[in-house]
Amino acid sequence: MGKTTSRGDAARRAEHKFEKKLEFYAKVRQTVASLATQKAIAKKKKVRSRQKKLKAYDLSSLTEFLPELKASQQPKPTGFKLKSKTRQSLVLKEDNQLRAVFNHPAFQSDPLGAIHQHLQSTQPTVDEKPKRRETKNGNRKGKKKSKASAGLQSMEI
């Protein structure tokens, strides 16, 4: 009789062990499913944040204030999308350009001065002082200069 009870105990233990394994596998499946949904949600959030960033960096509303450069504009094909390979080649090209700038001796000695010089050489010149208006007979309109202001002007020269 002792053997029958031990067999019953062994069978119960085996069944209990089997149920525990089933519970464990069910929990694993549930965890994997929840991780997959979390990953999908995170992907959607990343896409949304990328779109928001692209909208934030969209400066197309400023184009009306920029000077027209018809010669340098290249017509884009309709439905133009930046594909992965073209994006990668563009990134490599820009990376090489940036490294060349960083390695340039003028930039290494004075970074802000080099940037300032670059901006001065690439930006169009603007007349800072508007021309004074003249009347019909050639005289300047406005008040006559006082002696004090004339003295100051001669000191500046």
C-alpha atoms as a PDB file:
ATOM      1  CA  MET A   1       0.000   0.000   0.000  1.00  0.00           C
ATOM      2  CA  GLY A   2       2.886   2.326   0.605  1.00  0.00           C
ATOM      3  CA  LYS A   3       3.775   2.232  -3.047  1.00  0.00           C
ATOM      4  CA  THR A   4       0.321   3.396  -4.194  1.00  0.00           C
ATOM      5  CA  THR A   5       0.412   6.524  -2.058  1.00  0.00           C
ATOM      6  CA  SER A   6       3.888   7.419  -3.266  1.00  0.00           C
ATOM      7  CA  ARG A   7       2.703   6.937  -6.840  1.00  0.00           C
ATOM      8  CA  GLY A   8      -0.258   9.197  -6.136  1.00  0.00           C
ATOM      9  CA  ASP A   9       2.041  11.789  -4.584  1.00  0.00           C
ATOM     10  CA  ALA A  10       4.417  11.558  -7.519  1.00  0.00           C
ATOM     11  CA  ALA A  11       1.533  11.903  -9.965  1.00  0.00           C
ATOM     12  CA  ARG A  12       0.181  14.908  -8.060  1.00  0.00           C
ATOM     13  CA  ARG A  13       3.636  16.466  -7.915  1.00  0.00           C
ATOM     14  CA  ALA A  14       4.156  15.889 -11.648  1.00  0.00           C
ATOM     15  CA  GLU A  15       0.725  17.375 -12.405  1.00  0.00           C
ATOM     16  CA  HIS A  16       1.445  20.366 -10.143  1.00  0.00           C
ATOM     17  CA  LYS A  17       4.837  20.816 -11.839  1.00  0.00           C
ATOM     18  CA  PHE A  18       3.158  20.638 -15.247  1.00  0.00           C
ATOM     19  CA  GLU A  19       0.567  23.285 -14.206  1.00  0.00           C
ATOM     20  CA  LYS A  20       3.349  25.539 -12.916  1.00  0.00           C
ATOM     21  CA  LYS A  21       5.153  25.195 -16.264  1.00  0.00           C
ATOM     22  CA  LEU A  22       1.936  26.061 -18.125  1.00  0.00           C
ATOM     23  CA  GLU A  23       1.443  29.133 -15.909  1.00  0.00           C
ATOM     24  CA  PHE A  24       5.045  30.174 -16.537  1.00  0.00           C
ATOM     25  CA  TYR A  25       4.685  29.806 -20.307  1.00  0.00           C
ATOM     26  CA  ALA A  26       1.420  31.761 -20.214  1.00  0.00           C
ATOM     27  CA  LYS A  27       3.156  34.577 -18.306  1.00  0.00           C
ATOM     28  CA  VAL A  28       6.036  34.545 -20.793  1.00  0.00           C
ATOM     29  CA  ARG A  29       3.612  34.802 -23.733  1.00  0.00           C
ATOM     30  CA  GLN A  30       1.751  37.640 -22.006  1.00  0.00           C
ATOM     31  CA  THR A  31       4.998  39.498 -21.300  1.00  0.00           C
ATOM     32  CA  VAL A  32       6.225  39.066 -24.876  1.00  0.00           C
ATOM     33  CA  ALA A  33       2.897  40.331 -26.195  1.00  0.00           C
ATOM     34  CA  SER A  34       2.938  43.368 -23.888  1.00  0.00           C
ATOM     35  CA  LEU A  35       6.552  44.132 -24.867  1.00  0.00           C
ATOM     36  CA  ALA A  36       5.599  43.911 -28.537  1.00  0.00           C
ATOM     37  CA  THR A  37       2.734  46.357 -28.016  1.00  0.00           C
ATOM     38  CA  GLN A  38       4.996  48.687 -26.029  1.00  0.00           C
ATOM     39  CA  LYS A  39       7.539  48.563 -28.847  1.00  0.00           C
ATOM     40  CA  ALA A  40       4.833  49.361 -31.400  1.00  0.00           C
ATOM     41  CA  ILE A  41       3.614  52.277 -29.282  1.00  0.00           C
ATOM     42  CA  ALA A  42       7.172  53.558 -28.901  1.00  0.00           C
ATOM     43  CA  LYS A  43       7.664  53.374 -32.682  1.00  0.00           C
ATOM     44  CA  LYS A  44       4.497  55.400 -33.230  1.00  0.00           C
ATOM     45  CA  LYS A  45       5.684  57.968 -30.689  1.00  0.00           C
ATOM     46  CA  LYS A  46       9.070  58.209 -32.414  1.00  0.00           C
ATOM     47  CA  VAL A  47       7.392  58.762 -35.773  1.00  0.00           C
ATOM     48  CA  ARG A  48       5.156  61.434 -34.270  1.00  0.00           C
ATOM     49  CA  SER A  49       8.075  63.191 -32.577  1.00  0.00           C
ATOM     50  CA  ARG A  50      10.075  63.075 -35.830  1.00  0.00           C
ATOM     51  CA  GLN A  51       7.153  64.638 -37.660  1.00  0.00           C
ATOM     52  CA  LYS A  52       6.877  67.331 -34.987  1.00  0.00           C
ATOM     53  CA  LYS A  53      10.601  68.031 -35.255  1.00  0.00           C
ATOM     54  CA  LEU A  54      10.358  68.268 -39.033  1.00  0.00           C
ATOM     55  CA  LYS A  55       7.503  70.729 -38.649  1.00  0.00           C
ATOM     56  CA  ALA A  56       9.571  72.711 -36.141  1.00  0.00           C
ATOM     57  CA  TYR A  57      12.498  72.902 -38.566  1.00  0.00           C
ATOM     58  CA  ASP A  58      10.265  73.740 -41.542  1.00  0.00           C
ATOM     59  CA  LEU A  59      11.443  77.185 -42.565  1.00  0.00           C
ATOM     60  CA  SER A  60       9.523  77.318 -45.827  1.00  0.00           C
ATOM     61  CA  SER A  61       7.470  80.266 -44.558  1.00  0.00           C
ATOM     62  CA  LEU A  62      10.677  82.338 -44.584  1.00  0.00           C
ATOM     63  CA  THR A  63      11.338  81.808 -48.291  1.00  0.00           C
ATOM     64  CA  GLU A  64       9.407  84.931 -49.232  1.00  0.00           C
ATOM     65  CA  PHE A  65      12.023  87.012 -47.399  1.00  0.00           C
ATOM     66  CA  LEU A  66      15.010  85.369 -49.071  1.00  0.00           C
ATOM     67  CA  PRO A  67      16.472  86.712 -52.319  1.00  0.00           C
ATOM     68  CA  GLU A  68      15.586  84.824 -55.478  1.00  0.00           C
ATOM     69  CA  LEU A  69      18.366  82.579 -56.796  1.00  0.00           C
ATOM     70  CA  LYS A  70      16.866  80.984 -59.883  1.00  0.00           C
ATOM     71  CA  ALA A  71      20.181  79.784 -61.319  1.00  0.00           C
ATOM     72  CA  SER A  72      21.119  77.744 -58.274  1.00  0.00           C
ATOM     73  CA  GLN A  73      17.699  76.157 -57.784  1.00  0.00           C
ATOM     74  CA  GLN A  74      17.377  72.718 -59.271  1.00  0.00           C
ATOM     75  CA  PRO A  75      13.896  71.571 -60.202  1.00  0.00           C
ATOM     76  CA  LYS A  76      12.863  68.679 -57.993  1.00  0.00           C
ATOM     77  CA  PRO A  77      11.079  65.771 -59.600  1.00  0.00           C
ATOM     78  CA  THR A  78       7.445  65.457 -58.643  1.00  0.00           C
ATOM     79  CA  GLY A  79       6.888  63.183 -55.681  1.00  0.00           C
ATOM     80  CA  PHE A  80      10.531  63.595 -54.573  1.00  0.00           C
ATOM     81  CA  LYS A  81      11.286  61.626 -51.429  1.00  0.00           C
ATOM     82  CA  LEU A  82      14.590  61.302 -49.675  1.00  0.00           C
ATOM     83  CA  LYS A  83      15.269  57.602 -49.747  1.00  0.00           C
ATOM     84  CA  SER A  84      17.549  55.753 -47.365  1.00  0.00           C
ATOM     85  CA  LYS A  85      20.509  55.509 -49.749  1.00  0.00           C
ATOM     86  CA  THR A  86      20.325  59.140 -50.848  1.00  0.00           C
ATOM     87  CA  ARG A  87      19.937  60.246 -47.231  1.00  0.00           C
ATOM     88  CA  GLN A  88      22.963  58.164 -46.277  1.00  0.00           C
ATOM     89  CA  SER A  89      25.078  59.593 -49.081  1.00  0.00           C
ATOM     90  CA  LEU A  90      23.968  63.111 -48.146  1.00  0.00           C
ATOM     91  CA  VAL A  91      24.908  62.511 -44.515  1.00  0.00           C
ATOM     92  CA  LEU A  92      28.335  61.192 -45.558  1.00  0.00           C
ATOM     93  CA  LYS A  93      28.892  64.190 -47.828  1.00  0.00           C
ATOM     94  CA  GLU A  94      27.918  66.643 -45.073  1.00  0.00           C
ATOM     95  CA  ASP A  95      30.054  64.740 -42.556  1.00  0.00           C
ATOM     96  CA  ASN A  96      33.096  65.042 -44.821  1.00  0.00           C
ATOM     97  CA  GLN A  97      32.404  68.748 -45.310  1.00  0.00           C
ATOM     98  CA  LEU A  98      32.117  69.302 -41.547  1.00  0.00           C
ATOM     99  CA  ARG A  99      35.356  67.416 -40.882  1.00  0.00           C
ATOM    100  CA  ALA A 100      37.119  69.515 -43.494  1.00  0.00           C
ATOM    101  CA  VAL A 101      35.905  72.664 -41.750  1.00  0.00           C
ATOM    102  CA  PHE A 102      36.965  71.399 -38.314  1.00  0.00           C
ATOM    103  CA  ASN A 103      40.421  70.433 -39.609  1.00  0.00           C
ATOM    104  CA  HIS A 104      40.967  73.745 -41.409  1.00  0.00           C
ATOM    105  CA  PRO A 105      43.773  75.728 -39.707  1.00  0.00           C
ATOM    106  CA  ALA A 106      41.829  79.012 -39.796  1.00  0.00           C
ATOM    107  CA  PHE A 107      38.914  77.393 -37.984  1.00  0.00           C
ATOM    108  CA  GLN A 108      41.190  75.707 -35.444  1.00  0.00           C
ATOM    109  CA  SER A 109      42.975  78.942 -34.571  1.00  0.00           C
ATOM    110  CA  ASP A 110      39.839  81.122 -34.316  1.00  0.00           C
ATOM    111  CA  PRO A 111      36.497  79.313 -34.791  1.00  0.00           C
ATOM    112  CA  LEU A 112      34.234  82.329 -34.310  1.00  0.00           C
ATOM    113  CA  GLY A 113      36.406  84.512 -36.499  1.00  0.00           C
ATOM    114  CA  ALA A 114      36.359  81.907 -39.262  1.00  0.00           C
ATOM    115  CA  ILE A 115      32.567  81.645 -39.085  1.00  0.00           C
ATOM    116  CA  HIS A 116      32.274  85.450 -39.114  1.00  0.00           C
ATOM    117  CA  GLN A 117      34.573  85.688 -42.137  1.00  0.00           C
ATOM    118  CA  HIS A 118      32.600  82.973 -43.928  1.00  0.00           C
ATOM    119  CA  LEU A 119      29.322  84.772 -43.298  1.00  0.00           C
ATOM    120  CA  GLN A 120      30.760  88.078 -44.482  1.00  0.00           C
ATOM    121  CA  SER A 121      32.018  86.543 -47.699  1.00  0.00           C
ATOM    122  CA  THR A 122      28.831  84.593 -48.471  1.00  0.00           C
ATOM    123  CA  GLN A 123      26.140  87.100 -47.473  1.00  0.00           C
ATOM    124  CA  PRO A 124      25.080  89.838 -49.892  1.00  0.00           C
ATOM    125  CA  THR A 125      26.161  93.354 -48.953  1.00  0.00           C
ATOM    126  CA  VAL A 126      23.488  95.759 -47.761  1.00  0.00           C
ATOM    127  CA  ASP A 127      23.783  99.538 -47.760  1.00  0.00           C
ATOM    128  CA  GLU A 128      23.566 100.522 -44.103  1.00  0.00           C
ATOM    129  CA  LYS A 129      23.010 104.273 -44.543  1.00  0.00           C
ATOM    130  CA  PRO A 130      20.109 105.336 -46.750  1.00  0.00           C
ATOM    131  CA  LYS A 131      20.896 108.183 -49.132  1.00  0.00           C
ATOM    132  CA  ARG A 132      19.789 111.622 -48.005  1.00  0.00           C
ATOM    133  CA  ARG A 133      16.994 113.192 -49.946  1.00  0.00           C
ATOM    134  CA  GLU A 134      17.674 116.354 -51.883  1.00  0.00           C
ATOM    135  CA  THR A 135      15.281 119.109 -52.893  1.00  0.00           C
ATOM    136  CA  LYS A 136      14.719 120.207 -56.460  1.00  0.00           C
ATOM    137  CA  ASN A 137      17.506 122.781 -56.405  1.00  0.00           C
ATOM    138  CA  GLY A 138      20.053 120.281 -55.038  1.00  0.00           C
ATOM    139  CA  ASN A 139      20.083 121.384 -51.390  1.00  0.00           C
ATOM    140  CA  ARG A 140      19.684 118.886 -48.592  1.00  0.00           C
ATOM    141  CA  LYS A 141      16.415 118.972 -46.802  1.00  0.00           C
ATOM    142  CA  GLY A 142      16.394 119.469 -43.048  1.00  0.00           C
ATOM    143  CA  LYS A 143      18.015 121.623 -40.407  1.00  0.00           C
ATOM    144  CA  LYS A 144      21.355 123.283 -40.875  1.00  0.00           C
ATOM    145  CA  LYS A 145      24.254 121.762 -38.982  1.00  0.00           C
ATOM    146  CA  SER A 146      25.330 123.472 -35.833  1.00  0.00           C
ATOM    147  CA  LYS A 147      28.983 124.280 -35.226  1.00  0.00           C
ATOM    148  CA  ALA A 148      29.189 121.605 -32.498  1.00  0.00           C
ATOM    149  CA  SER A 149      28.071 118.821 -34.789  1.00  0.00           C
ATOM    150  CA  ALA A 150      30.410 120.036 -37.531  1.00  0.00           C
ATOM    151  CA  GLY A 151      33.296 119.990 -35.045  1.00  0.00           C
ATOM    152  CA  LEU A 152      32.465 116.426 -34.034  1.00  0.00           C
ATOM    153  CA  GLN A 153      32.364 115.336 -37.625  1.00  0.00           C
ATOM    154  CA  SER A 154      35.760 116.802 -38.341  1.00  0.00           C
ATOM    155  CA  MET A 155      37.176 114.971 -35.298  1.00  0.00           C
ATOM    156  CA  GLU A 156      35.879 111.646 -36.599  1.00  0.00           C
ATOM    157  CA  ILE A 157      37.679 112.045 -39.908  1.00  0.00           C
END
